[in-house]
Amino acid sequence: MVPNITPVQTSTEFPSSTTVVIIGGGIVGLTAALTLAERNIPVVVLEKGHIAGEQSSRNLGWVRKTNRLPDDIPLAQASDRLWAQMPERVGSDVGYRQAGIMFVARNEAQMAAHENWLKLVQPLNLDSRLLSAQEISKLVPHGQGSWAGGIFTPSDGRAEPTLASSAIAKAAMKKGAIIIENCAVRTLSTTAGKVSGVLTEKGEIRCDQVLLAGGIWSRRFLGNLGISLPTLPLICSVLHTKPMTGPTDIAVGAPDFSFRKHHDGGFIITQRGALDAPLTLDHALIGLRYTQQLRGQRNFLRISLGKYFFKDLSLARRWNANSTSPFEHLRMMDPEANTGLNQEALNNLISAWPSFAQAEIANAWAGVIDVTPDSNPVIGAVPQIPGLTLATGFSGHGFGTSPAAGHLAADLVSGHTPIIDPTPYRFERFA
């Protein structure tokens, strides 16, 4: 089932030229478009399907710094500031609430991981703090879990994926951006080796800069240009309950479940200890780059060979501007929710907080996450093609960091001073 996204009336005009073309109408591309439009820089967003139709509307909605890699935290901190400003900036509620995020540990080994992370990020002056089992009970009452302790960051929060992208898109268009749905970009056009436009299923748009924010599709788009971007897919399944009385407004992550309050009074729940990992041809091509990740996360992955493999295999890896692209054959990646994992999550949650026994499932869905070998995104130029910049590979963190990620991408394509140091996100680190 697809989440119910707030509808947006997008553009019907097809311009012959602009300054910046953004490929991908997810939340990062839309935030970049908003930032450029606010600077009076002409920008066109091209989306093969519907805006935010994939992971941008299917994620958990967490806005967190906790347990991020240290070099990724400045982006999250900048996003905190921008999320707080977003309702006024776009003139609409995006569901942002700074209610805090807590992670709880079942044993001393898990607690030690939180302690080590807190020591690692101490120079960043976060408000994260360790919790005892008694403090967990005070913050999230009526539980029956046996916790070794936890970690809590009061300044973390949440926003609503089904509201935010739509509100940002409307604001961007109001400020001059053009957003076109159902228009796949097949490839780039270049002049003297530099980007000079994009070739779409509806024709060419000339431009000076292209920002590729295509999520899971970015690897395939770049591969057709002879450029290898290492990303592999993971699938996260989610359930959404009907409105109910819950124990807290704090978002809580345990080793085998997580939950957070939804703006309609229900809860968003997932099996935090398990992700579906469908095998693809790319696992044979670039799988060795993920050896270190696999060592640490093998127990979290439900590896399978099935429908996803054959669907992926059926999509072309090479095409030309005059042929139908894979983005037209499959306009929306819509995997089936894993009902077993969702039920595991709910059962585990009920054991810890029995009030969730009253939960009624309103709907469920799944989304595909594009994961890089170091779990950091790529936000930066592609040296091989001047004029092409990437904002992709967010590894499940894109929604929370999207305000600053889109802002940073806009800075890079427009020559503005970057909002944060972009060095950790350079494409060249995968050379």
Protein backbone atom coordinates (compact mmCIF):
# COMPACT_ATOMS: atom_id res chain seq x y z
CA MET A 1 0.00 0.00 0.00
CA VAL A 2 1.24 3.49 -0.84
CA PRO A 3 1.15 6.17 1.90
CA ASN A 4 -1.41 8.93 1.35
CA ILE A 5 0.65 11.91 0.22
CA THR A 6 -0.86 15.40 0.29
CA PRO A 7 -1.64 16.04 -3.41
CA VAL A 8 0.21 18.71 -5.38
CA GLN A 9 -0.78 20.28 -8.70
CA THR A 10 2.53 20.30 -10.55
CA SER A 11 3.54 22.20 -13.68
CA THR A 12 2.13 21.52 -17.14
CA GLU A 13 4.61 23.65 -19.11
CA PHE A 14 7.75 22.10 -20.58
CA PRO A 15 10.49 24.72 -20.82
CA SER A 16 13.16 24.59 -23.50
CA SER A 17 15.87 25.88 -21.15
CA THR A 18 16.65 26.71 -17.53
CA THR A 19 19.69 27.18 -15.32
CA VAL A 20 19.48 24.02 -13.15
CA VAL A 21 17.67 20.75 -13.81
CA ILE A 22 17.07 18.46 -10.84
CA ILE A 23 16.50 14.80 -11.66
CA GLY A 24 14.25 13.30 -9.00
CA GLY A 25 11.28 14.73 -7.13
CA GLY A 26 12.08 13.31 -3.70
CA ILE A 27 12.47 15.50 -0.65
CA VAL A 28 16.19 16.24 -1.16
CA GLY A 29 15.66 17.35 -4.76
CA LEU A 30 12.62 19.41 -3.75
CA THR A 31 14.50 21.12 -0.91
CA ALA A 32 17.33 21.94 -3.32
CA ALA A 33 14.76 23.38 -5.73
CA LEU A 34 13.23 25.50 -2.98
CA THR A 35 16.65 26.85 -1.99
CA LEU A 36 17.50 27.72 -5.60
CA ALA A 37 14.11 29.33 -6.21
CA GLU A 38 14.57 31.48 -3.09
CA ARG A 39 17.80 32.70 -4.71
CA ASN A 40 15.95 33.51 -7.95
CA ILE A 41 17.89 30.82 -9.83
CA PRO A 42 15.70 29.20 -12.54
CA VAL A 43 15.24 25.52 -11.73
CA VAL A 44 13.22 22.62 -13.17
CA VAL A 45 12.54 19.40 -11.24
CA LEU A 46 11.84 16.33 -13.39
CA GLU A 47 10.22 13.32 -11.75
CA LYS A 48 9.65 10.05 -13.62
CA GLY A 49 6.56 9.27 -11.52
CA HIS A 50 4.96 11.33 -8.77
CA ILE A 51 6.81 13.58 -6.33
CA ALA A 52 7.85 11.80 -3.13
CA GLY A 53 6.30 8.61 -4.45
CA GLU A 54 9.11 6.41 -3.24
CA GLN A 55 11.29 6.54 -0.11
CA SER A 56 10.59 10.22 0.62
CA SER A 57 7.04 9.34 1.69
CA ARG A 58 7.75 5.81 2.98
CA ASN A 59 10.40 6.45 5.63
CA LEU A 60 9.89 6.58 9.40
CA GLY A 61 9.99 10.37 9.67
CA TRP A 62 12.76 10.48 12.27
CA VAL A 63 14.94 13.60 12.48
CA ARG A 64 17.93 12.47 14.47
CA LYS A 65 21.55 13.02 15.36
CA THR A 66 21.74 10.06 17.74
CA ASN A 67 23.91 7.19 16.52
CA ARG A 68 24.93 8.95 13.33
CA LEU A 69 28.53 8.78 12.17
CA PRO A 70 30.47 11.74 13.61
CA ASP A 71 31.25 13.26 10.22
CA ASP A 72 27.53 13.14 9.33
CA ILE A 73 26.35 14.99 12.44
CA PRO A 74 27.01 18.58 11.24
CA LEU A 75 24.54 17.92 8.39
CA ALA A 76 21.99 16.67 10.94
CA GLN A 77 22.57 19.68 13.19
CA ALA A 78 22.04 22.07 10.29
CA SER A 79 18.87 20.16 9.41
CA ASP A 80 17.53 20.63 12.95
CA ARG A 81 17.69 24.38 12.47
CA LEU A 82 16.12 24.23 9.03
CA TRP A 83 13.33 21.85 10.10
CA ALA A 84 12.39 24.27 12.87
CA GLN A 85 12.15 27.07 10.30
CA MET A 86 10.35 24.99 7.68
CA PRO A 87 6.69 25.70 8.63
CA GLU A 88 7.23 29.45 8.32
CA ARG A 89 9.39 29.01 5.24
CA VAL A 90 6.81 26.99 3.30
CA GLY A 91 3.69 28.41 4.93
CA SER A 92 2.41 25.01 6.02
CA ASP A 93 2.71 22.43 8.79
CA VAL A 94 5.22 19.71 7.92
CA GLY A 95 4.60 17.76 11.11
CA TYR A 96 7.93 18.72 12.67
CA ARG A 97 8.01 18.15 16.43
CA GLN A 98 11.20 18.28 18.51
CA ALA A 99 10.00 15.65 20.99
CA GLY A 100 13.28 13.73 21.33
CA ILE A 101 14.50 10.29 20.32
CA MET A 102 15.48 7.50 22.72
CA PHE A 103 17.32 4.26 22.03
CA VAL A 104 17.04 1.51 24.63
CA ALA A 105 19.49 -1.37 25.22
CA ARG A 106 18.63 -4.89 26.36
CA ASN A 107 22.11 -5.87 27.50
CA GLU A 108 25.47 -4.47 28.50
CA ALA A 109 26.98 -4.95 25.04
CA GLN A 110 24.28 -2.81 23.45
CA MET A 111 24.65 -0.25 26.22
CA ALA A 112 28.40 -0.17 25.67
CA ALA A 113 27.79 0.75 22.02
CA HIS A 114 25.78 3.80 23.13
CA GLU A 115 28.48 4.76 25.63
CA ASN A 116 31.18 4.48 22.98
CA TRP A 117 29.20 6.58 20.51
CA LEU A 118 28.65 9.28 23.14
CA LYS A 119 32.39 9.45 23.83
CA LEU A 120 33.10 9.61 20.10
CA VAL A 121 30.82 12.62 19.53
CA GLN A 122 31.71 14.48 22.75
CA PRO A 123 33.52 17.30 20.87
CA LEU A 124 30.27 18.08 19.02
CA ASN A 125 28.48 19.21 22.21
CA LEU A 126 25.25 17.32 21.61
CA ASP A 127 22.54 17.18 24.27
CA SER A 128 22.54 13.36 24.19
CA ARG A 129 22.69 11.63 27.57
CA LEU A 130 22.76 8.08 28.89
CA LEU A 131 19.72 6.77 30.74
CA SER A 132 19.21 4.21 33.47
CA ALA A 133 16.32 1.75 33.39
CA GLN A 134 14.53 3.90 35.98
CA GLU A 135 14.87 7.01 33.83
CA ILE A 136 13.47 5.13 30.83
CA SER A 137 10.42 4.22 32.91
CA LYS A 138 9.86 7.86 33.84
CA LEU A 139 10.16 9.12 30.28
CA VAL A 140 8.15 6.27 28.72
CA PRO A 141 5.88 4.93 31.48
CA HIS A 142 3.83 1.73 31.81
CA GLY A 143 6.48 -0.48 30.24
CA GLN A 144 7.45 -4.04 31.08
CA GLY A 145 10.76 -4.20 29.24
CA SER A 146 13.95 -5.16 31.03
CA TRP A 147 16.46 -2.56 29.90
CA ALA A 148 20.15 -2.27 30.65
CA GLY A 149 19.78 1.44 29.95
CA GLY A 150 19.50 3.76 26.99
CA ILE A 151 20.49 7.00 25.35
CA PHE A 152 18.26 10.04 24.81
CA THR A 153 18.66 13.16 22.69
CA PRO A 154 15.93 15.71 23.54
CA SER A 155 16.72 17.88 20.50
CA ASP A 156 16.01 15.05 18.04
CA GLY A 157 12.52 14.94 16.58
CA ARG A 158 10.23 13.85 13.79
CA ALA A 159 8.38 15.21 10.77
CA GLU A 160 5.69 13.80 8.50
CA PRO A 161 6.86 12.31 5.20
CA THR A 162 3.37 12.54 3.69
CA LEU A 163 3.18 16.29 4.43
CA ALA A 164 6.71 17.64 4.11
CA SER A 165 7.58 16.97 0.46
CA SER A 166 4.25 18.30 -0.77
CA ALA A 167 4.56 21.48 1.29
CA ILE A 168 8.13 22.04 0.06
CA ALA A 169 7.10 21.42 -3.57
CA LYS A 170 4.23 23.92 -3.36
CA ALA A 171 6.49 26.55 -1.81
CA ALA A 172 9.19 25.98 -4.44
CA MET A 173 6.68 26.43 -7.27
CA LYS A 174 5.24 29.54 -5.64
CA LYS A 175 8.76 30.99 -5.69
CA GLY A 176 9.34 30.16 -9.36
CA ALA A 177 10.47 26.53 -9.59
CA ILE A 178 8.96 24.32 -12.27
CA ILE A 179 8.14 20.74 -11.22
CA ILE A 180 7.11 18.23 -13.87
CA GLU A 181 5.82 14.76 -13.00
CA ASN A 182 5.69 11.68 -15.27
CA CYS A 183 8.72 12.91 -17.17
CA ALA A 184 11.73 10.60 -17.06
CA VAL A 185 15.19 11.91 -17.88
CA ARG A 186 16.82 9.43 -20.21
CA THR A 187 20.34 10.86 -20.28
CA LEU A 188 22.43 14.02 -20.33
CA SER A 189 23.41 16.12 -23.29
CA THR A 190 26.94 17.49 -23.23
CA THR A 191 28.97 20.04 -25.15
CA ALA A 192 32.77 19.79 -25.11
CA GLY A 193 32.45 17.27 -22.28
CA LYS A 194 30.36 19.55 -20.06
CA VAL A 195 26.67 19.28 -19.23
CA SER A 196 24.54 21.34 -21.59
CA GLY A 197 21.12 19.83 -20.99
CA VAL A 198 19.00 16.77 -20.29
CA LEU A 199 17.21 14.52 -22.77
CA THR A 200 13.82 13.42 -21.49
CA GLU A 201 10.96 11.34 -22.81
CA LYS A 202 9.25 14.64 -23.72
CA GLY A 203 12.22 16.35 -25.32
CA GLU A 204 15.36 18.27 -24.40
CA ILE A 205 15.82 20.95 -21.77
CA ARG A 206 19.02 22.96 -22.08
CA CYS A 207 20.69 23.91 -18.81
CA ASP A 208 23.99 24.85 -17.18
CA GLN A 209 23.88 22.44 -14.22
CA VAL A 210 22.23 19.11 -13.41
CA LEU A 211 21.62 17.79 -9.90
CA LEU A 212 20.97 14.04 -9.79
CA ALA A 213 18.82 13.25 -6.75
CA GLY A 214 17.38 9.99 -8.00
CA GLY A 215 17.67 7.81 -4.92
CA ILE A 216 17.80 4.11 -5.73
CA TRP A 217 17.74 4.94 -9.47
CA SER A 218 20.90 7.07 -9.45
CA ARG A 219 23.23 4.08 -9.84
CA ARG A 220 21.45 2.93 -13.00
CA PHE A 221 21.35 6.44 -14.50
CA LEU A 222 25.07 6.95 -13.90
CA GLY A 223 25.93 3.44 -15.09
CA ASN A 224 24.48 4.30 -18.48
CA LEU A 225 27.01 7.15 -18.58
CA GLY A 226 29.88 4.79 -17.73
CA ILE A 227 30.15 5.98 -14.11
CA SER A 228 29.92 3.57 -11.18
CA LEU A 229 28.09 4.72 -8.07
CA PRO A 230 28.20 2.00 -5.37
CA THR A 231 24.74 1.60 -3.89
CA LEU A 232 22.76 -1.51 -2.99
CA PRO A 233 19.07 -1.84 -2.04
CA LEU A 234 17.53 -2.59 1.34
CA ILE A 235 13.79 -2.74 1.96
CA CYS A 236 12.20 -1.40 5.14
CA SER A 237 8.62 -2.39 5.99
CA VAL A 238 6.44 -0.08 8.07
CA LEU A 239 3.03 -0.22 9.70
CA HIS A 240 0.80 2.68 10.69
CA THR A 241 -1.77 2.26 13.45
CA LYS A 242 -5.11 3.95 13.85
CA PRO A 243 -5.24 6.75 16.47
CA MET A 244 -4.62 5.36 19.95
CA THR A 245 -3.37 6.30 23.39
CA GLY A 246 0.37 5.78 23.57
CA PRO A 247 2.96 5.99 26.32
CA THR A 248 4.96 8.98 25.02
CA ASP A 249 5.59 11.58 22.32
CA ILE A 250 9.26 10.55 22.33
CA ALA A 251 10.32 8.34 19.41
CA VAL A 252 11.76 5.08 20.75
CA GLY A 253 14.14 2.63 19.11
CA ALA A 254 14.76 -0.80 20.65
CA PRO A 255 16.92 -3.58 19.18
CA ASP A 256 13.89 -5.25 17.57
CA PHE A 257 11.25 -2.53 17.14
CA SER A 258 10.79 1.22 16.95
CA PHE A 259 7.81 3.53 17.23
CA ARG A 260 6.98 7.20 16.95
CA LYS A 261 3.81 9.26 17.20
CA HIS A 262 2.07 10.14 13.93
CA HIS A 263 0.39 13.51 13.51
CA ASP A 264 -3.03 11.81 13.22
CA GLY A 265 -2.69 10.23 16.68
CA GLY A 266 -1.57 6.82 15.47
CA PHE A 267 1.94 5.39 15.55
CA ILE A 268 4.54 4.45 12.95
CA ILE A 269 6.14 1.10 13.86
CA THR A 270 8.89 -0.97 12.25
CA GLN A 271 11.11 -3.97 12.99
CA ARG A 272 14.29 -2.03 13.70
CA GLY A 273 16.31 -5.22 13.98
CA ALA A 274 15.59 -6.53 10.48
CA LEU A 275 15.64 -5.26 6.91
CA ASP A 276 14.93 -7.22 3.75
CA ALA A 277 18.06 -7.47 1.60
CA PRO A 278 17.01 -8.69 -1.87
CA LEU A 279 19.89 -9.94 -3.96
CA THR A 280 20.53 -8.27 -7.32
CA LEU A 281 23.13 -8.46 -10.06
CA ASP A 282 24.83 -5.49 -8.36
CA HIS A 283 25.69 -7.68 -5.38
CA ALA A 284 27.97 -9.67 -7.68
CA LEU A 285 29.37 -6.51 -9.27
CA ILE A 286 30.11 -4.38 -6.18
CA GLY A 287 29.28 -6.58 -3.18
CA LEU A 288 32.89 -6.81 -2.02
CA ARG A 289 32.81 -3.08 -1.21
CA TYR A 290 30.31 -3.90 1.55
CA THR A 291 32.35 -6.55 3.36
CA GLN A 292 32.91 -4.40 6.45
CA GLN A 293 29.22 -3.48 6.69
CA LEU A 294 28.20 -7.11 6.28
CA ARG A 295 30.45 -8.20 9.16
CA GLY A 296 28.73 -5.79 11.53
CA GLN A 297 25.15 -6.04 10.27
CA ARG A 298 24.67 -9.57 8.94
CA ASN A 299 22.21 -10.42 11.72
CA PHE A 300 19.98 -7.51 10.68
CA LEU A 301 19.65 -8.58 7.05
CA ARG A 302 17.00 -10.94 5.73
CA ILE A 303 18.77 -11.93 2.51
CA SER A 304 16.63 -13.41 -0.26
CA LEU A 305 16.62 -14.20 -3.96
CA GLY A 306 13.20 -13.64 -5.47
CA LYS A 307 10.92 -11.27 -7.38
CA TYR A 308 13.06 -8.21 -6.77
CA PHE A 309 16.05 -9.92 -8.44
CA PHE A 310 14.13 -10.69 -11.61
CA LYS A 311 12.42 -7.29 -11.76
CA ASP A 312 15.80 -5.59 -11.41
CA LEU A 313 17.36 -7.91 -14.00
CA SER A 314 14.61 -7.08 -16.52
CA LEU A 315 15.46 -3.36 -16.48
CA ALA A 316 18.02 -2.18 -19.03
CA ARG A 317 21.47 -1.07 -17.91
CA ARG A 318 22.34 0.55 -21.24
CA TRP A 319 20.08 2.61 -23.51
CA ASN A 320 20.22 5.70 -25.69
CA ALA A 321 18.26 8.93 -25.72
CA ASN A 322 15.91 7.66 -28.42
CA SER A 323 14.91 4.46 -26.61
CA THR A 324 12.56 3.97 -23.70
CA SER A 325 14.52 4.12 -20.45
CA PRO A 326 14.08 1.82 -17.44
CA PHE A 327 12.63 4.81 -15.57
CA GLU A 328 9.67 4.75 -17.94
CA HIS A 329 9.20 0.99 -17.64
CA LEU A 330 9.01 1.23 -13.84
CA ARG A 331 7.94 4.68 -12.68
CA MET A 332 7.54 3.83 -9.01
CA MET A 333 9.39 1.27 -6.91
CA ASP A 334 6.61 -0.14 -4.75
CA PRO A 335 7.75 -3.28 -2.91
CA GLU A 336 5.30 -5.33 -0.89
CA ALA A 337 5.41 -4.80 2.87
CA ASN A 338 6.79 -7.77 4.76
CA THR A 339 3.83 -8.59 7.01
CA GLY A 340 5.94 -11.04 9.00
CA LEU A 341 8.49 -8.38 9.95
CA ASN A 342 5.74 -5.89 10.78
CA GLN A 343 4.02 -8.41 13.03
CA GLU A 344 7.35 -9.22 14.71
CA ALA A 345 7.80 -5.52 15.44
CA LEU A 346 4.31 -5.16 16.89
CA ASN A 347 4.64 -8.30 19.03
CA ASN A 348 8.01 -7.15 20.39
CA LEU A 349 6.60 -3.71 21.12
CA ILE A 350 3.59 -5.12 22.96
CA SER A 351 5.91 -7.18 25.15
CA ALA A 352 7.74 -4.01 26.16
CA TRP A 353 4.78 -1.59 26.33
CA PRO A 354 1.52 -3.57 26.70
CA SER A 355 -0.64 -0.54 25.82
CA PHE A 356 0.15 -1.30 22.17
CA ALA A 357 -1.99 -4.43 22.44
CA GLN A 358 -4.90 -2.12 21.60
CA ALA A 359 -3.25 -1.06 18.32
CA GLU A 360 -5.27 -1.50 15.14
CA ILE A 361 -3.29 -1.45 11.89
CA ALA A 362 -4.54 1.25 9.53
CA ASN A 363 -2.13 0.49 6.68
CA ALA A 364 1.34 -0.80 5.89
CA TRP A 365 3.94 -0.19 3.20
CA ALA A 366 7.58 -0.72 2.29
CA GLY A 367 10.29 1.41 0.71
CA VAL A 368 13.63 0.77 -0.94
CA ILE A 369 16.70 2.39 0.64
CA ASP A 370 19.84 3.06 -1.40
CA VAL A 371 22.84 2.20 0.79
CA THR A 372 26.46 3.21 0.17
CA PRO A 373 29.46 1.25 1.48
CA ASP A 374 30.09 3.76 4.29
CA SER A 375 26.40 4.66 4.89
CA ASN A 376 27.06 8.32 4.08
CA PRO A 377 25.42 9.97 1.07
CA VAL A 378 27.13 11.44 -1.95
CA ILE A 379 26.64 15.20 -2.18
CA GLY A 380 29.12 16.62 -4.61
CA ALA A 381 30.32 17.03 -8.17
CA VAL A 382 31.11 14.20 -10.57
CA PRO A 383 34.61 15.06 -11.81
CA GLN A 384 34.22 13.09 -15.04
CA ILE A 385 31.27 15.27 -16.17
CA PRO A 386 31.57 18.98 -15.32
CA GLY A 387 28.17 20.41 -14.50
CA LEU A 388 26.82 17.19 -12.93
CA THR A 389 26.33 17.10 -9.15
CA LEU A 390 24.96 14.25 -7.02
CA ALA A 391 22.72 14.24 -3.96
CA THR A 392 21.98 10.55 -3.50
CA GLY A 393 22.86 7.37 -1.59
CA PHE A 394 21.37 8.58 1.70
CA SER A 395 21.31 5.08 3.23
CA GLY A 396 18.03 5.58 5.09
CA HIS A 397 18.96 9.00 6.52
CA GLY A 398 17.75 11.23 3.71
CA PHE A 399 14.46 12.47 5.11
CA GLY A 400 15.89 13.60 8.45
CA THR A 401 18.81 15.45 6.87
CA SER A 402 16.95 16.60 3.75
CA PRO A 403 16.68 20.32 4.59
CA ALA A 404 20.45 20.69 4.93
CA ALA A 405 21.27 18.10 2.25
CA GLY A 406 19.14 19.91 -0.32
CA HIS A 407 20.56 23.24 0.82
CA LEU A 408 24.13 21.93 0.47
CA ALA A 409 23.40 20.55 -3.00
CA ALA A 410 21.95 23.93 -4.01
CA ASP A 411 25.04 25.66 -2.63
CA LEU A 412 27.31 23.45 -4.72
CA VAL A 413 25.45 23.87 -8.02
CA SER A 414 25.07 27.65 -7.57
CA GLY A 415 28.56 28.43 -6.29
CA HIS A 416 27.41 29.62 -2.84
CA THR A 417 29.39 29.03 0.34
CA PRO A 418 28.39 25.53 1.52
CA ILE A 419 26.15 25.38 4.58
CA ILE A 420 28.51 22.75 6.06
CA ASP A 421 31.82 21.22 5.01
CA PRO A 422 30.95 18.90 2.09
CA THR A 423 34.20 16.91 2.29
CA PRO A 424 32.68 13.74 3.90
CA TYR A 425 30.25 13.45 1.00
CA ARG A 426 32.60 13.76 -1.98
CA PHE A 427 31.99 11.26 -4.79
CA GLU A 428 35.75 10.76 -5.15
CA ARG A 429 35.94 8.81 -1.88
CA PHE A 430 34.62 5.78 -3.80
CA ALA A 431 37.31 5.97 -6.48
